[in-house]
Amino acid sequence: MRHPIRAVGKPLLRTTFLLALIITQIAAGKATSGTTIRVEPYASIAQVGESFTINITLTDIQNLYGVEVILRWNASILQVVGVDVRLGVESHPDGVLHEDILIAENETRNDVGRYWLAAASTAPAASFYGGGNIVIITFNVTGAGSCKLDLETELYDWPPPERDPPESWPIWHTTIDGFFGRQIGISISPENVTIRKNVNISGFVIPAQANVNVTILYRREGETDWHTLATRITNEQGNYQYTWRPKEKGKYEIKATAIIEDQLETSPSVFVTVEAPEQPPWVYIAIIIILIIIAAVAIIVIYRKKSKR
């Protein structure tokens, strides 16, 4: 299946922008390192039958003229019940882009768990600088479970006068997904170590809460049974950490479990490879010298025995 942004969204936006490239000449802006589109809040939780709301928020943008957002979720547990597009700061002070706005796509597909928005300013609107909300989406929880709120985005600029052909270009930015439900995460650093060196294991629970017992488990490559490595308690931010110094070489699989709001949650697995430390050169030299001495002593002993005969 082709990616919707590549298959349909870009041609739609390109058409929109080419229609907009008239009259006004605005100097091109660059995306700064902080340009981000994210789901806010990152973590949401609600019971079956309840609702919750997320914002798709843009920060620190320059010379913005078009946006495209695709959000995906698990349709078996969540359904969209409200969409509030916040485009055009003249009508929505907390939004983004300047009016007039041409909306090429504004589609909710609860059957597949997808929302798609593609829109652009039209000339003579000014390009947008700053940040704000792109869209506010309200979900109803229809089933038990958890899922990622998977966000895909494109941003487009207003072409400067010297650009030939005068087409809008994508603006580099960072996209940060969201999450619904309960979750335990785990990370490990480094992924390759030698025996008795520190392996830093850390993670978090969602919703963030203190005093959650987290059990860290491990098994070596080829094993089927899990073994307890350590138990840790989360802090007020819902984070936990543990420093492990493995004593044996091998490839280890590590995961974490915790009971969050009366439900047992398990993290994805992470892996670490533990190697025996390399011997320094002087060790090999010493071994060679010892072997030479042993060989010399043996030769002398054999020679003396022959001489006595």
Protein backbone atom coordinates (compact mmCIF):
# COMPACT_ATOMS: atom_id res chain seq x y z
CA MET A 1 0.00 0.00 0.00
CA ARG A 2 1.37 3.41 -0.90
CA HIS A 3 1.91 6.00 1.79
CA PRO A 4 -1.07 8.43 1.73
CA ILE A 5 1.17 11.49 2.01
CA ARG A 6 3.23 10.42 -0.98
CA ALA A 7 0.38 8.99 -3.03
CA VAL A 8 -2.23 11.69 -2.70
CA GLY A 9 -1.35 14.39 -0.19
CA LYS A 10 1.67 15.87 -1.90
CA PRO A 11 0.00 16.27 -5.30
CA LEU A 12 -2.97 17.89 -3.59
CA LEU A 13 -0.79 20.29 -1.67
CA ARG A 14 1.42 21.02 -4.66
CA THR A 15 -1.69 21.93 -6.65
CA THR A 16 -2.88 24.10 -3.77
CA PHE A 17 0.43 25.90 -3.50
CA LEU A 18 0.81 26.49 -7.21
CA LEU A 19 -2.60 28.15 -7.17
CA ALA A 20 -1.37 30.29 -4.28
CA LEU A 21 1.87 31.44 -5.91
CA ILE A 22 0.65 34.78 -7.17
CA ILE A 23 0.99 38.45 -6.29
CA THR A 24 2.78 38.33 -2.92
CA GLN A 25 6.53 37.90 -2.63
CA ILE A 26 7.68 36.83 0.80
CA ALA A 27 11.24 36.06 1.79
CA ALA A 28 11.83 32.36 2.50
CA GLY A 29 12.20 31.26 6.08
CA LYS A 30 14.08 28.27 7.40
CA ALA A 31 12.95 25.70 9.93
CA THR A 32 14.88 26.00 13.16
CA SER A 33 16.20 23.03 15.06
CA GLY A 34 13.23 23.29 17.41
CA THR A 35 10.46 22.97 14.78
CA THR A 36 8.23 20.20 16.15
CA ILE A 37 4.76 18.77 15.63
CA ARG A 38 3.57 16.66 18.54
CA VAL A 39 0.57 15.02 20.13
CA GLU A 40 -0.27 16.83 23.37
CA PRO A 41 -0.52 15.48 25.91
CA TYR A 42 1.81 12.64 24.99
CA ALA A 43 -0.04 10.16 27.21
CA SER A 44 -3.82 9.93 27.62
CA ILE A 45 -5.91 7.48 29.58
CA ALA A 46 -9.66 7.02 30.03
CA GLN A 47 -12.06 4.22 30.82
CA VAL A 48 -14.35 2.51 28.32
CA GLY A 49 -17.25 4.87 27.61
CA GLU A 50 -15.26 7.97 28.52
CA SER A 51 -13.74 10.59 26.21
CA PHE A 52 -10.41 12.39 26.02
CA THR A 53 -8.97 15.15 23.85
CA ILE A 54 -5.59 15.67 22.20
CA ASN A 55 -4.04 18.61 20.38
CA ILE A 56 -1.79 18.35 17.33
CA THR A 57 0.56 21.21 18.13
CA LEU A 58 3.25 22.95 16.07
CA THR A 59 6.12 24.91 17.63
CA ASP A 60 8.88 27.21 16.39
CA ILE A 61 8.15 27.40 12.66
CA GLN A 62 9.20 29.96 10.05
CA ASN A 63 7.72 30.77 6.63
CA LEU A 64 4.93 28.19 6.86
CA TYR A 65 2.35 28.08 4.08
CA GLY A 66 0.94 24.55 4.16
CA VAL A 67 0.44 21.61 6.53
CA GLU A 68 -0.49 17.97 6.24
CA VAL A 69 -1.31 15.72 9.18
CA ILE A 70 -2.15 12.03 9.30
CA LEU A 71 -3.00 10.47 12.66
CA ARG A 72 -3.56 6.73 13.11
CA TRP A 73 -4.91 4.74 16.07
CA ASN A 74 -6.39 1.35 16.97
CA ALA A 75 -9.93 1.52 15.66
CA SER A 76 -11.03 -1.38 17.86
CA ILE A 77 -10.60 0.67 21.05
CA LEU A 78 -10.87 4.34 19.97
CA GLN A 79 -13.32 6.32 17.82
CA VAL A 80 -13.12 10.01 16.90
CA VAL A 81 -16.19 11.94 18.02
CA GLY A 82 -15.01 15.50 17.40
CA VAL A 83 -12.56 17.38 15.16
CA ASP A 84 -11.81 21.09 15.61
CA VAL A 85 -9.49 22.42 12.88
CA ARG A 86 -7.59 25.46 14.18
CA LEU A 87 -6.25 26.88 10.91
CA GLY A 88 -6.28 30.62 10.30
CA VAL A 89 -5.08 32.72 13.25
CA GLU A 90 -7.46 35.51 12.31
CA SER A 91 -10.33 33.23 13.36
CA HIS A 92 -8.41 30.95 15.77
CA PRO A 93 -5.79 32.89 17.77
CA ASP A 94 -4.33 29.63 19.12
CA GLY A 95 -3.96 28.17 15.61
CA VAL A 96 -1.50 28.31 12.72
CA LEU A 97 -1.43 29.74 9.16
CA HIS A 98 -2.95 32.97 7.93
CA GLU A 99 -6.28 33.24 6.13
CA ASP A 100 -7.56 32.60 3.57
CA ILE A 101 -7.17 28.85 3.99
CA LEU A 102 -7.79 26.19 1.36
CA ILE A 103 -8.50 22.80 2.97
CA ALA A 104 -7.75 20.02 0.49
CA GLU A 105 -8.48 17.14 2.89
CA ASN A 106 -10.29 16.93 6.22
CA GLU A 107 -11.28 13.29 6.56
CA THR A 108 -11.99 11.01 9.53
CA ARG A 109 -12.03 7.24 8.96
CA ASN A 110 -13.12 5.52 12.17
CA ASP A 111 -13.36 2.20 10.34
CA VAL A 112 -9.60 2.09 9.78
CA GLY A 113 -8.48 4.46 12.56
CA ARG A 114 -7.19 7.39 10.53
CA TYR A 115 -7.58 11.16 10.41
CA TRP A 116 -6.17 13.16 7.46
CA LEU A 117 -5.85 16.94 7.17
CA ALA A 118 -4.15 18.79 4.29
CA ALA A 119 -4.43 22.57 3.94
CA ALA A 120 -2.60 25.70 2.79
CA SER A 121 -2.85 29.45 2.91
CA THR A 122 -3.76 31.20 -0.35
CA ALA A 123 -2.30 34.41 -1.73
CA PRO A 124 -2.18 37.17 -0.70
CA ALA A 125 -1.97 35.63 2.81
CA ALA A 126 1.30 36.07 4.66
CA SER A 127 3.39 33.07 5.61
CA PHE A 128 3.17 31.98 9.24
CA TYR A 129 5.82 32.25 11.97
CA GLY A 130 5.62 30.90 15.49
CA GLY A 131 3.50 28.03 16.76
CA GLY A 132 0.01 26.91 17.71
CA ASN A 133 -2.57 24.17 17.40
CA ILE A 134 -3.25 22.58 14.03
CA VAL A 135 -6.26 20.51 15.08
CA ILE A 136 -7.96 19.34 18.29
CA ILE A 137 -9.34 15.81 18.23
CA THR A 138 -11.70 14.18 20.72
CA PHE A 139 -11.83 10.39 21.08
CA ASN A 140 -14.34 8.09 22.72
CA VAL A 141 -12.96 4.90 24.30
CA THR A 142 -14.94 1.96 22.91
CA GLY A 143 -12.80 -0.96 24.07
CA ALA A 144 -10.16 -1.99 26.57
CA GLY A 145 -6.51 -1.75 25.58
CA SER A 146 -3.79 0.69 24.64
CA CYS A 147 -2.30 1.97 21.39
CA LYS A 148 0.11 4.39 19.83
CA LEU A 149 -1.27 7.64 18.43
CA ASP A 150 0.86 7.48 15.30
CA LEU A 151 1.48 10.91 13.80
CA GLU A 152 2.83 11.61 10.29
CA THR A 153 3.27 15.18 9.10
CA GLU A 154 4.49 17.42 6.29
CA LEU A 155 5.12 21.17 6.37
CA TYR A 156 5.58 23.41 3.32
CA ASP A 157 7.09 26.87 2.89
CA TRP A 158 6.33 29.90 0.72
CA PRO A 159 8.88 29.94 -2.12
CA PRO A 160 11.26 32.91 -2.21
CA PRO A 161 11.31 35.07 -5.38
CA GLU A 162 14.57 33.53 -6.61
CA ARG A 163 13.30 29.93 -6.53
CA ASP A 164 12.81 28.49 -9.99
CA PRO A 165 10.40 26.86 -10.48
CA PRO A 166 8.43 28.72 -7.79
CA GLU A 167 7.25 25.65 -5.87
CA SER A 168 6.82 25.13 -2.15
CA TRP A 169 9.42 22.92 -0.51
CA PRO A 170 9.03 20.69 2.56
CA ILE A 171 10.24 22.14 5.85
CA TRP A 172 12.39 19.90 8.01
CA HIS A 173 10.89 19.21 11.43
CA THR A 174 10.52 16.64 14.20
CA THR A 175 7.30 14.65 14.71
CA ILE A 176 6.44 13.22 18.14
CA ASP A 177 3.72 10.58 18.50
CA GLY A 178 1.31 10.14 21.39
CA PHE A 179 0.03 7.16 23.35
CA PHE A 180 -3.28 6.05 24.79
CA GLY A 181 -3.61 3.69 27.72
CA ARG A 182 -1.13 2.11 30.12
CA GLN A 183 2.45 1.49 29.12
CA ILE A 184 5.82 0.49 30.51
CA GLY A 185 8.90 1.44 28.54
CA ILE A 186 12.51 0.28 28.77
CA SER A 187 15.83 1.32 27.25
CA ILE A 188 19.38 0.09 27.63
CA SER A 189 22.82 1.66 27.17
CA PRO A 190 25.24 0.60 25.89
CA GLU A 191 24.07 -2.34 23.80
CA ASN A 192 27.55 -3.91 23.66
CA VAL A 193 29.71 -4.23 26.77
CA THR A 194 32.42 -6.38 28.29
CA ILE A 195 32.05 -8.48 31.43
CA ARG A 196 31.61 -6.49 34.67
CA LYS A 197 31.11 -3.18 32.88
CA ASN A 198 28.05 -1.04 33.63
CA VAL A 199 24.84 -1.54 31.68
CA ASN A 200 22.33 1.26 32.35
CA ILE A 201 18.72 0.10 32.27
CA SER A 202 16.02 2.76 32.53
CA GLY A 203 12.39 3.27 31.67
CA PHE A 204 9.02 4.75 32.58
CA VAL A 205 5.40 3.91 33.26
CA ILE A 206 2.32 5.60 31.80
CA PRO A 207 0.36 7.15 33.37
CA ALA A 208 3.31 8.53 35.31
CA GLN A 209 3.09 7.70 39.01
CA ALA A 210 5.41 7.07 41.93
CA ASN A 211 5.94 3.84 43.90
CA VAL A 212 5.12 1.41 41.09
CA ASN A 213 7.08 -1.83 41.48
CA VAL A 214 8.94 -2.60 38.26
CA THR A 215 10.45 -6.05 37.78
CA ILE A 216 13.36 -6.27 35.33
CA LEU A 217 13.72 -9.71 33.76
CA TYR A 218 16.38 -11.30 31.58
CA ARG A 219 17.16 -14.47 29.67
CA ARG A 220 20.19 -15.54 27.70
CA GLU A 221 20.09 -16.43 24.05
CA GLY A 222 18.65 -19.93 23.66
CA GLU A 223 16.79 -19.89 26.99
CA THR A 224 13.01 -19.99 27.29
CA ASP A 225 12.63 -19.15 30.99
CA TRP A 226 12.91 -15.63 32.34
CA HIS A 227 14.95 -14.73 35.43
CA THR A 228 14.55 -11.75 37.74
CA LEU A 229 17.41 -9.32 37.41
CA ALA A 230 16.16 -6.61 39.79
CA THR A 231 13.09 -4.87 41.18
CA ARG A 232 12.90 -1.10 41.19
CA ILE A 233 10.34 1.51 42.30
CA THR A 234 9.34 4.45 40.10
CA ASN A 235 9.89 8.04 41.18
CA GLU A 236 7.33 10.86 41.07
CA GLN A 237 7.83 11.23 37.30
CA GLY A 238 7.12 7.54 36.77
CA ASN A 239 10.75 6.75 35.90
CA TYR A 240 12.94 3.89 37.09
CA GLN A 241 16.58 2.92 36.57
CA TYR A 242 19.05 0.17 37.39
CA THR A 243 22.77 -0.38 36.78
CA TRP A 244 23.73 -3.94 35.95
CA ARG A 245 27.26 -5.41 35.80
CA PRO A 246 26.99 -8.74 33.92
CA LYS A 247 29.39 -11.47 35.06
CA GLU A 248 29.11 -13.81 32.08
CA LYS A 249 29.40 -13.24 28.37
CA GLY A 250 26.49 -13.87 26.02
CA LYS A 251 23.55 -12.18 24.34
CA TYR A 252 20.83 -11.17 26.79
CA GLU A 253 17.19 -10.25 26.23
CA ILE A 254 15.78 -7.85 28.83
CA LYS A 255 12.23 -6.65 29.54
CA ALA A 256 10.28 -5.03 32.37
CA THR A 257 6.87 -5.71 33.88
CA ALA A 258 4.68 -3.72 36.25
CA ILE A 259 1.12 -3.66 37.51
CA ILE A 260 -0.31 -0.31 36.42
CA GLU A 261 -3.81 0.51 37.62
CA ASP A 262 -4.49 -3.17 38.40
CA GLN A 263 -3.30 -4.33 34.95
CA LEU A 264 -0.08 -6.25 34.29
CA GLU A 265 1.88 -4.46 31.58
CA THR A 266 5.01 -5.73 29.84
CA SER A 267 7.57 -3.67 27.95
CA PRO A 268 9.08 -4.54 24.58
CA SER A 269 12.36 -6.44 24.81
CA VAL A 270 15.78 -4.83 24.50
CA PHE A 271 19.04 -6.67 23.88
CA VAL A 272 22.61 -6.42 25.13
CA THR A 273 25.68 -8.36 24.04
CA VAL A 274 28.30 -9.06 26.70
CA GLU A 275 31.81 -9.99 25.54
CA ALA A 276 34.88 -11.20 27.39
CA PRO A 277 37.41 -8.36 27.80
CA GLU A 278 40.28 -8.29 25.35
CA GLN A 279 43.62 -9.15 26.89
CA PRO A 280 46.26 -6.38 26.76
CA PRO A 281 49.31 -7.09 24.52
CA TRP A 282 51.64 -7.67 27.47
CA VAL A 283 49.54 -10.69 28.49
CA TYR A 284 50.20 -12.37 25.16
CA ILE A 285 53.89 -11.46 25.35
CA ALA A 286 54.12 -12.91 28.85
CA ILE A 287 52.42 -16.12 27.70
CA ILE A 288 54.88 -16.44 24.79
CA ILE A 289 57.85 -15.86 27.12
CA ILE A 290 56.56 -18.47 29.56
CA LEU A 291 56.08 -20.96 26.74
CA ILE A 292 59.61 -20.28 25.50
CA ILE A 293 61.02 -20.80 29.00
CA ILE A 294 59.07 -24.04 29.43
CA ALA A 295 60.31 -25.25 26.03
CA ALA A 296 63.91 -24.28 26.88
CA VAL A 297 63.77 -26.07 30.25
CA ALA A 298 62.37 -29.16 28.56
CA ILE A 299 65.14 -29.12 25.96
CA ILE A 300 67.81 -28.77 28.66
CA VAL A 301 66.35 -31.63 30.68
CA ILE A 302 66.22 -33.89 27.61
CA TYR A 303 69.78 -32.91 26.64
CA ARG A 304 71.15 -33.72 30.12
CA LYS A 305 69.43 -37.07 30.16
CA LYS A 306 71.01 -37.95 26.81
CA SER A 307 74.43 -36.74 28.04
CA LYS A 308 74.32 -39.04 31.08
CA ARG A 309 73.76 -42.00 28.82
